[in-house]
Structure formats: C-alpha cells, structure tokens
C-alpha cells in the first residue's frame, strides 16, 4: 500500500501490473451525478461521459479515503496512464 492509495487505486495498480485490457470497478455507488445525491435532492444522474470529462470531475473533488465516488482520484489517475 502506498500513501494516498485506496482500494480503487490498489485495484487499478494491480490491473496495470497485469497489463489488463479492461478495468471494471465494483462499487456500491449507483452511478455518476453532477453533485452528491445524498446531500442534494436536485442532483442529476450522468448516464454517459467521456473519460477525459470524468477525470476533470474527479480531480475537482478533495481526495479522502472512503469518499464513495464511482472511482476515486488514485484509481482514475492510474488507469489514465
């Protein structure tokens, strides 16, 4: 385990190490929203997004373990390389 590494990051690191062609992240988060649906009733579901746009969104969120986001910064950074 590395500093600032979460289970998403560890899974992505393992996929990279194995040179995987695909990365599937299993999560209890129902999907991507424009804001936290647990805090905002008017949060809008985003059914489709490019990975570049996803990276822009994920990088705006303050990093913390257990943040319950579709894929956290550490995992997204690793699979974007």
C-alpha atoms as a PDB file:
ATOM      1  CA  UNK A   1       0.000   0.000   0.000  1.00  0.00           C
ATOM      2  CA  UNK A   2       1.266   3.458  -0.892  1.00  0.00           C
ATOM      3  CA  UNK A   3       0.455   6.832   0.689  1.00  0.00           C
ATOM      4  CA  UNK A   4      -2.889   8.230  -0.535  1.00  0.00           C
ATOM      5  CA  UNK A   5      -3.715   4.854  -2.097  1.00  0.00           C
ATOM      6  CA  UNK A   6      -7.222   3.480  -1.698  1.00  0.00           C
ATOM      7  CA  UNK A   7      -8.762   0.166  -2.662  1.00  0.00           C
ATOM      8  CA  UNK A   8      -9.696   1.741  -6.040  1.00  0.00           C
ATOM      9  CA  UNK A   9      -6.077   2.722  -6.539  1.00  0.00           C
ATOM     10  CA  UNK A  10      -4.779  -0.678  -5.451  1.00  0.00           C
ATOM     11  CA  UNK A  11      -7.171  -2.439  -7.853  1.00  0.00           C
ATOM     12  CA  UNK A  12      -6.131  -0.132 -10.708  1.00  0.00           C
ATOM     13  CA  UNK A  13      -2.450  -0.681  -9.844  1.00  0.00           C
ATOM     14  CA  UNK A  14      -2.935  -4.461  -9.992  1.00  0.00           C
ATOM     15  CA  UNK A  15      -4.755  -4.151 -13.347  1.00  0.00           C
ATOM     16  CA  UNK A  16      -1.873  -2.047 -14.680  1.00  0.00           C
ATOM     17  CA  UNK A  17       0.690  -4.536 -13.376  1.00  0.00           C
ATOM     18  CA  UNK A  18      -1.154  -7.356 -15.170  1.00  0.00           C
ATOM     19  CA  UNK A  19      -1.431  -5.175 -18.304  1.00  0.00           C
ATOM     20  CA  UNK A  20      -5.197  -5.678 -18.275  1.00  0.00           C
ATOM     21  CA  UNK A  21      -7.161  -4.604 -21.342  1.00  0.00           C
ATOM     22  CA  UNK A  22     -10.161  -3.595 -19.256  1.00  0.00           C
ATOM     23  CA  UNK A  23     -10.765  -2.326 -15.720  1.00  0.00           C
ATOM     24  CA  UNK A  24     -14.112  -2.918 -14.026  1.00  0.00           C
ATOM     25  CA  UNK A  25     -14.617  -1.169 -10.713  1.00  0.00           C
ATOM     26  CA  UNK A  26     -17.226  -2.771  -8.442  1.00  0.00           C
ATOM     27  CA  UNK A  27     -18.798  -0.185  -6.167  1.00  0.00           C
ATOM     28  CA  UNK A  28     -21.865   0.443  -4.038  1.00  0.00           C
ATOM     29  CA  UNK A  29     -22.290   3.846  -5.688  1.00  0.00           C
ATOM     30  CA  UNK A  30     -25.251   3.800  -8.108  1.00  0.00           C
ATOM     31  CA  UNK A  31     -23.569   5.982 -10.731  1.00  0.00           C
ATOM     32  CA  UNK A  32     -22.119   9.380 -11.524  1.00  0.00           C
ATOM     33  CA  UNK A  33     -24.051  12.511 -10.575  1.00  0.00           C
ATOM     34  CA  UNK A  34     -23.326  16.207 -11.067  1.00  0.00           C
ATOM     35  CA  UNK A  35     -23.244  16.543  -7.252  1.00  0.00           C
ATOM     36  CA  UNK A  36     -23.655  14.298  -4.231  1.00  0.00           C
ATOM     37  CA  UNK A  37     -27.202  12.856  -4.370  1.00  0.00           C
ATOM     38  CA  UNK A  38     -27.067  12.090  -0.630  1.00  0.00           C
ATOM     39  CA  UNK A  39     -26.687  15.807   0.085  1.00  0.00           C
ATOM     40  CA  UNK A  40     -28.634  17.383  -2.813  1.00  0.00           C
ATOM     41  CA  UNK A  41     -32.113  16.268  -3.884  1.00  0.00           C
ATOM     42  CA  UNK A  42     -31.679  18.044  -7.236  1.00  0.00           C
ATOM     43  CA  UNK A  43     -28.556  16.022  -8.154  1.00  0.00           C
ATOM     44  CA  UNK A  44     -28.690  14.886 -11.785  1.00  0.00           C
ATOM     45  CA  UNK A  45     -27.577  11.425 -12.923  1.00  0.00           C
ATOM     46  CA  UNK A  46     -24.962  11.444 -15.707  1.00  0.00           C
ATOM     47  CA  UNK A  47     -25.693   8.382 -17.883  1.00  0.00           C
ATOM     48  CA  UNK A  48     -22.660   8.764 -20.159  1.00  0.00           C
ATOM     49  CA  UNK A  49     -19.390  10.705 -20.000  1.00  0.00           C
ATOM     50  CA  UNK A  50     -16.002  10.616 -21.718  1.00  0.00           C
ATOM     51  CA  UNK A  51     -13.066   9.521 -19.576  1.00  0.00           C
ATOM     52  CA  UNK A  52     -11.403  12.932 -20.053  1.00  0.00           C
ATOM     53  CA  UNK A  53     -14.514  14.669 -18.701  1.00  0.00           C
ATOM     54  CA  UNK A  54     -14.684  12.138 -15.869  1.00  0.00           C
ATOM     55  CA  UNK A  55     -11.052  12.903 -14.937  1.00  0.00           C
ATOM     56  CA  UNK A  56     -11.839  16.624 -14.832  1.00  0.00           C
ATOM     57  CA  UNK A  57     -14.717  15.948 -12.422  1.00  0.00           C
ATOM     58  CA  UNK A  58     -12.824  13.536 -10.187  1.00  0.00           C
ATOM     59  CA  UNK A  59      -9.832  15.885  -9.911  1.00  0.00           C
ATOM     60  CA  UNK A  60     -12.074  18.671  -8.571  1.00  0.00           C
ATOM     61  CA  UNK A  61     -13.041  16.564  -5.548  1.00  0.00           C
ATOM     62  CA  UNK A  62     -10.890  16.734  -2.428  1.00  0.00           C
ATOM     63  CA  UNK A  63      -9.170  13.373  -2.007  1.00  0.00           C
ATOM     64  CA  UNK A  64     -10.087  11.244   1.007  1.00  0.00           C
ATOM     65  CA  UNK A  65     -10.344   7.521   1.536  1.00  0.00           C
ATOM     66  CA  UNK A  66     -13.908   6.199   1.646  1.00  0.00           C
ATOM     67  CA  UNK A  67     -15.315   9.128  -0.307  1.00  0.00           C
ATOM     68  CA  UNK A  68     -17.919   6.916  -2.055  1.00  0.00           C
ATOM     69  CA  UNK A  69     -17.343   8.171  -5.570  1.00  0.00           C
ATOM     70  CA  UNK A  70     -17.671   5.975  -8.666  1.00  0.00           C
ATOM     71  CA  UNK A  71     -13.863   5.759  -8.976  1.00  0.00           C
ATOM     72  CA  UNK A  72     -11.562   7.841  -6.816  1.00  0.00           C
ATOM     73  CA  UNK A  73      -8.616  10.003  -7.848  1.00  0.00           C
ATOM     74  CA  UNK A  74      -5.923   7.408  -7.206  1.00  0.00           C
ATOM     75  CA  UNK A  75      -7.667   4.752  -9.319  1.00  0.00           C
ATOM     76  CA  UNK A  76      -8.598   7.185 -12.086  1.00  0.00           C
ATOM     77  CA  UNK A  77      -5.049   8.550 -12.267  1.00  0.00           C
ATOM     78  CA  UNK A  78      -3.543   5.078 -12.584  1.00  0.00           C
ATOM     79  CA  UNK A  79      -5.872   3.843 -15.323  1.00  0.00           C
ATOM     80  CA  UNK A  80      -5.494   7.087 -17.279  1.00  0.00           C
ATOM     81  CA  UNK A  81      -1.762   6.472 -17.745  1.00  0.00           C
END
